[in-house]
Amino acid sequence: MNNERKKISSELGARIRDFRTERYMSQEALALNSDMHPAYLGKIERGEKCPTIETLYKISTGLKVPITELLDPDAGVKATSKEALYRISNALSGIDDETAVKIAEIVESAAEIYKKKA
């Protein structure tokens, strides 16, 4: 692995580890959620392996963050409204329209209650 690729792999691995630890996930839990072997995930986090786009997609799905968050070194690790929208969108996939509208109404009501308390 050349120096530039090592640097990129190391930084990407650190970002994945940061996202994982912020979510209080073990490597084993993330590996299970990402359909990969824990040892391979460990090598990615240590920068020893440079993951493919397919592998990054699996990891981002396991972490429930957009893949762009993993790739953007300027993006914060803290949860964002962008991540929240991504998670809500994933949760609604496969749900019929009528139920999705009801869930949207519940989210809107919860947001209004939270705004009043803040």
C-alpha atoms as a PDB file:
ATOM      1  CA  MET A   1       0.000   0.000   0.000  1.00  0.00           C
ATOM      2  CA  ASN A   2       1.523   3.357  -0.987  1.00  0.00           C
ATOM      3  CA  ASN A   3       1.812   6.216   1.525  1.00  0.00           C
ATOM      4  CA  GLU A   4      -1.182   8.226   0.258  1.00  0.00           C
ATOM      5  CA  ARG A   5      -3.425   5.165   0.251  1.00  0.00           C
ATOM      6  CA  LYS A   6      -2.198   4.243   3.762  1.00  0.00           C
ATOM      7  CA  LYS A   7      -3.045   7.741   4.990  1.00  0.00           C
ATOM      8  CA  ILE A   8      -6.526   7.629   3.451  1.00  0.00           C
ATOM      9  CA  SER A   9      -7.187   4.128   4.821  1.00  0.00           C
ATOM     10  CA  SER A  10      -5.990   5.143   8.266  1.00  0.00           C
ATOM     11  CA  GLU A  11      -8.158   8.284   8.366  1.00  0.00           C
ATOM     12  CA  LEU A  12     -11.203   6.427   7.052  1.00  0.00           C
ATOM     13  CA  GLY A  13     -10.707   3.630   9.577  1.00  0.00           C
ATOM     14  CA  ALA A  14     -10.475   6.164  12.398  1.00  0.00           C
ATOM     15  CA  ARG A  15     -13.718   7.837  11.231  1.00  0.00           C
ATOM     16  CA  ILE A  16     -15.518   4.494  11.149  1.00  0.00           C
ATOM     17  CA  ARG A  17     -14.227   3.694  14.652  1.00  0.00           C
ATOM     18  CA  ASP A  18     -15.330   7.128  15.902  1.00  0.00           C
ATOM     19  CA  PHE A  19     -18.841   6.685  14.499  1.00  0.00           C
ATOM     20  CA  ARG A  20     -19.004   3.172  15.962  1.00  0.00           C
ATOM     21  CA  THR A  21     -17.806   4.119  19.444  1.00  0.00           C
ATOM     22  CA  GLU A  22     -20.090   7.155  19.568  1.00  0.00           C
ATOM     23  CA  ARG A  23     -22.959   4.715  19.095  1.00  0.00           C
ATOM     24  CA  TYR A  24     -21.573   2.461  21.858  1.00  0.00           C
ATOM     25  CA  MET A  25     -21.246  -0.392  19.364  1.00  0.00           C
ATOM     26  CA  SER A  26     -18.654  -3.117  19.578  1.00  0.00           C
ATOM     27  CA  GLN A  27     -16.747  -4.153  16.467  1.00  0.00           C
ATOM     28  CA  GLU A  28     -18.653  -7.424  16.600  1.00  0.00           C
ATOM     29  CA  ALA A  29     -22.027  -5.665  16.652  1.00  0.00           C
ATOM     30  CA  LEU A  30     -21.111  -3.412  13.731  1.00  0.00           C
ATOM     31  CA  ALA A  31     -19.680  -6.355  11.807  1.00  0.00           C
ATOM     32  CA  LEU A  32     -22.918  -8.283  12.341  1.00  0.00           C
ATOM     33  CA  ASN A  33     -25.015  -5.271  11.272  1.00  0.00           C
ATOM     34  CA  SER A  34     -22.751  -4.821   8.239  1.00  0.00           C
ATOM     35  CA  ASP A  35     -22.685  -8.475   7.186  1.00  0.00           C
ATOM     36  CA  MET A  36     -18.913  -8.816   7.488  1.00  0.00           C
ATOM     37  CA  HIS A  37     -16.343 -10.601   9.639  1.00  0.00           C
ATOM     38  CA  PRO A  38     -15.271  -8.705  12.796  1.00  0.00           C
ATOM     39  CA  ALA A  39     -11.584  -9.321  12.045  1.00  0.00           C
ATOM     40  CA  TYR A  40     -11.946  -7.648   8.632  1.00  0.00           C
ATOM     41  CA  LEU A  41     -13.721  -4.668  10.193  1.00  0.00           C
ATOM     42  CA  GLY A  42     -10.864  -4.408  12.696  1.00  0.00           C
ATOM     43  CA  LYS A  43      -8.340  -4.269   9.851  1.00  0.00           C
ATOM     44  CA  ILE A  44     -10.373  -1.508   8.189  1.00  0.00           C
ATOM     45  CA  GLU A  45     -10.527   0.495  11.422  1.00  0.00           C
ATOM     46  CA  ARG A  46      -6.756   0.141  11.899  1.00  0.00           C
ATOM     47  CA  GLY A  47      -6.154   1.279   8.316  1.00  0.00           C
ATOM     48  CA  GLU A  48      -4.675  -2.056   7.292  1.00  0.00           C
ATOM     49  CA  LYS A  49      -7.316  -2.616   4.607  1.00  0.00           C
ATOM     50  CA  CYS A  50      -8.791  -0.183   2.111  1.00  0.00           C
ATOM     51  CA  PRO A  51     -12.507  -1.018   1.816  1.00  0.00           C
ATOM     52  CA  THR A  52     -14.417  -1.122  -1.456  1.00  0.00           C
ATOM     53  CA  ILE A  53     -17.446   1.083  -2.061  1.00  0.00           C
ATOM     54  CA  GLU A  54     -19.656  -1.962  -1.460  1.00  0.00           C
ATOM     55  CA  THR A  55     -18.004  -2.554   1.916  1.00  0.00           C
ATOM     56  CA  LEU A  56     -18.333   1.137   2.838  1.00  0.00           C
ATOM     57  CA  TYR A  57     -22.026   0.951   1.945  1.00  0.00           C
ATOM     58  CA  LYS A  58     -22.448  -2.055   4.254  1.00  0.00           C
ATOM     59  CA  ILE A  59     -20.654  -0.245   7.073  1.00  0.00           C
ATOM     60  CA  SER A  60     -22.673   2.952   6.599  1.00  0.00           C
ATOM     61  CA  THR A  61     -25.859   0.893   6.681  1.00  0.00           C
ATOM     62  CA  GLY A  62     -24.668  -0.872   9.844  1.00  0.00           C
ATOM     63  CA  LEU A  63     -23.908   2.491  11.455  1.00  0.00           C
ATOM     64  CA  LYS A  64     -27.117   4.043  10.091  1.00  0.00           C
ATOM     65  CA  VAL A  65     -25.264   7.016   8.622  1.00  0.00           C
ATOM     66  CA  PRO A  66     -25.088   8.175   5.016  1.00  0.00           C
ATOM     67  CA  ILE A  67     -21.985   6.888   3.254  1.00  0.00           C
ATOM     68  CA  THR A  68     -21.042  10.504   2.559  1.00  0.00           C
ATOM     69  CA  GLU A  69     -20.592  11.028   6.318  1.00  0.00           C
ATOM     70  CA  LEU A  70     -17.954   8.296   6.358  1.00  0.00           C
ATOM     71  CA  LEU A  71     -16.125   9.789   3.386  1.00  0.00           C
ATOM     72  CA  ASP A  72     -16.229  13.458   4.388  1.00  0.00           C
ATOM     73  CA  PRO A  73     -13.368  14.233   6.786  1.00  0.00           C
ATOM     74  CA  ASP A  74     -14.961  17.608   7.576  1.00  0.00           C
ATOM     75  CA  ALA A  75     -18.277  16.091   8.668  1.00  0.00           C
ATOM     76  CA  GLY A  76     -18.797  15.916  12.412  1.00  0.00           C
ATOM     77  CA  VAL A  77     -19.269  12.592  14.122  1.00  0.00           C
ATOM     78  CA  LYS A  78     -22.093  13.916  16.283  1.00  0.00           C
ATOM     79  CA  ALA A  79     -25.577  13.039  15.095  1.00  0.00           C
ATOM     80  CA  THR A  80     -27.030  15.628  12.727  1.00  0.00           C
ATOM     81  CA  SER A  81     -30.488  16.376  11.428  1.00  0.00           C
ATOM     82  CA  LYS A  82     -29.235  15.030   8.074  1.00  0.00           C
ATOM     83  CA  GLU A  83     -28.480  11.709   9.761  1.00  0.00           C
ATOM     84  CA  ALA A  84     -31.848  11.774  11.526  1.00  0.00           C
ATOM     85  CA  LEU A  85     -33.637  12.237   8.203  1.00  0.00           C
ATOM     86  CA  TYR A  86     -31.630   9.372   6.720  1.00  0.00           C
ATOM     87  CA  ARG A  87     -32.571   7.121   9.635  1.00  0.00           C
ATOM     88  CA  ILE A  88     -36.256   8.069   9.417  1.00  0.00           C
ATOM     89  CA  SER A  89     -36.243   7.480   5.669  1.00  0.00           C
ATOM     90  CA  ASN A  90     -34.700   4.025   6.146  1.00  0.00           C
ATOM     91  CA  ALA A  91     -37.214   3.192   8.865  1.00  0.00           C
ATOM     92  CA  LEU A  92     -40.109   4.106   6.555  1.00  0.00           C
ATOM     93  CA  SER A  93     -38.903   2.048   3.609  1.00  0.00           C
ATOM     94  CA  GLY A  94     -41.334  -0.738   2.846  1.00  0.00           C
ATOM     95  CA  ILE A  95     -44.170   0.821   4.838  1.00  0.00           C
ATOM     96  CA  ASP A  96     -47.394   1.611   3.027  1.00  0.00           C
ATOM     97  CA  ASP A  97     -48.220   5.275   2.312  1.00  0.00           C
ATOM     98  CA  GLU A  98     -51.084   5.551   4.787  1.00  0.00           C
ATOM     99  CA  THR A  99     -48.933   4.270   7.656  1.00  0.00           C
ATOM    100  CA  ALA A 100     -46.027   6.507   6.596  1.00  0.00           C
ATOM    101  CA  VAL A 101     -48.299   9.565   6.782  1.00  0.00           C
ATOM    102  CA  LYS A 102     -49.446   8.559  10.284  1.00  0.00           C
ATOM    103  CA  ILE A 103     -45.839   8.153  11.394  1.00  0.00           C
ATOM    104  CA  ALA A 104     -44.988  11.577   9.917  1.00  0.00           C
ATOM    105  CA  GLU A 105     -47.816  13.088  11.977  1.00  0.00           C
ATOM    106  CA  ILE A 106     -46.418  11.455  15.126  1.00  0.00           C
ATOM    107  CA  VAL A 107     -42.937  12.827  14.384  1.00  0.00           C
ATOM    108  CA  GLU A 108     -44.385  16.303  13.770  1.00  0.00           C
ATOM    109  CA  SER A 109     -46.277  16.182  17.068  1.00  0.00           C
ATOM    110  CA  ALA A 110     -43.200  15.019  18.960  1.00  0.00           C
ATOM    111  CA  ALA A 111     -41.119  17.805  17.389  1.00  0.00           C
ATOM    112  CA  GLU A 112     -43.695  20.422  18.433  1.00  0.00           C
ATOM    113  CA  ILE A 113     -43.686  19.140  22.009  1.00  0.00           C
ATOM    114  CA  TYR A 114     -39.888  19.232  22.080  1.00  0.00           C
ATOM    115  CA  LYS A 115     -39.803  22.795  20.650  1.00  0.00           C
ATOM    116  CA  LYS A 116     -42.169  23.990  23.408  1.00  0.00           C
ATOM    117  CA  LYS A 117     -39.927  22.481  26.099  1.00  0.00           C
ATOM    118  CA  ALA A 118     -36.736  23.992  24.660  1.00  0.00           C
END
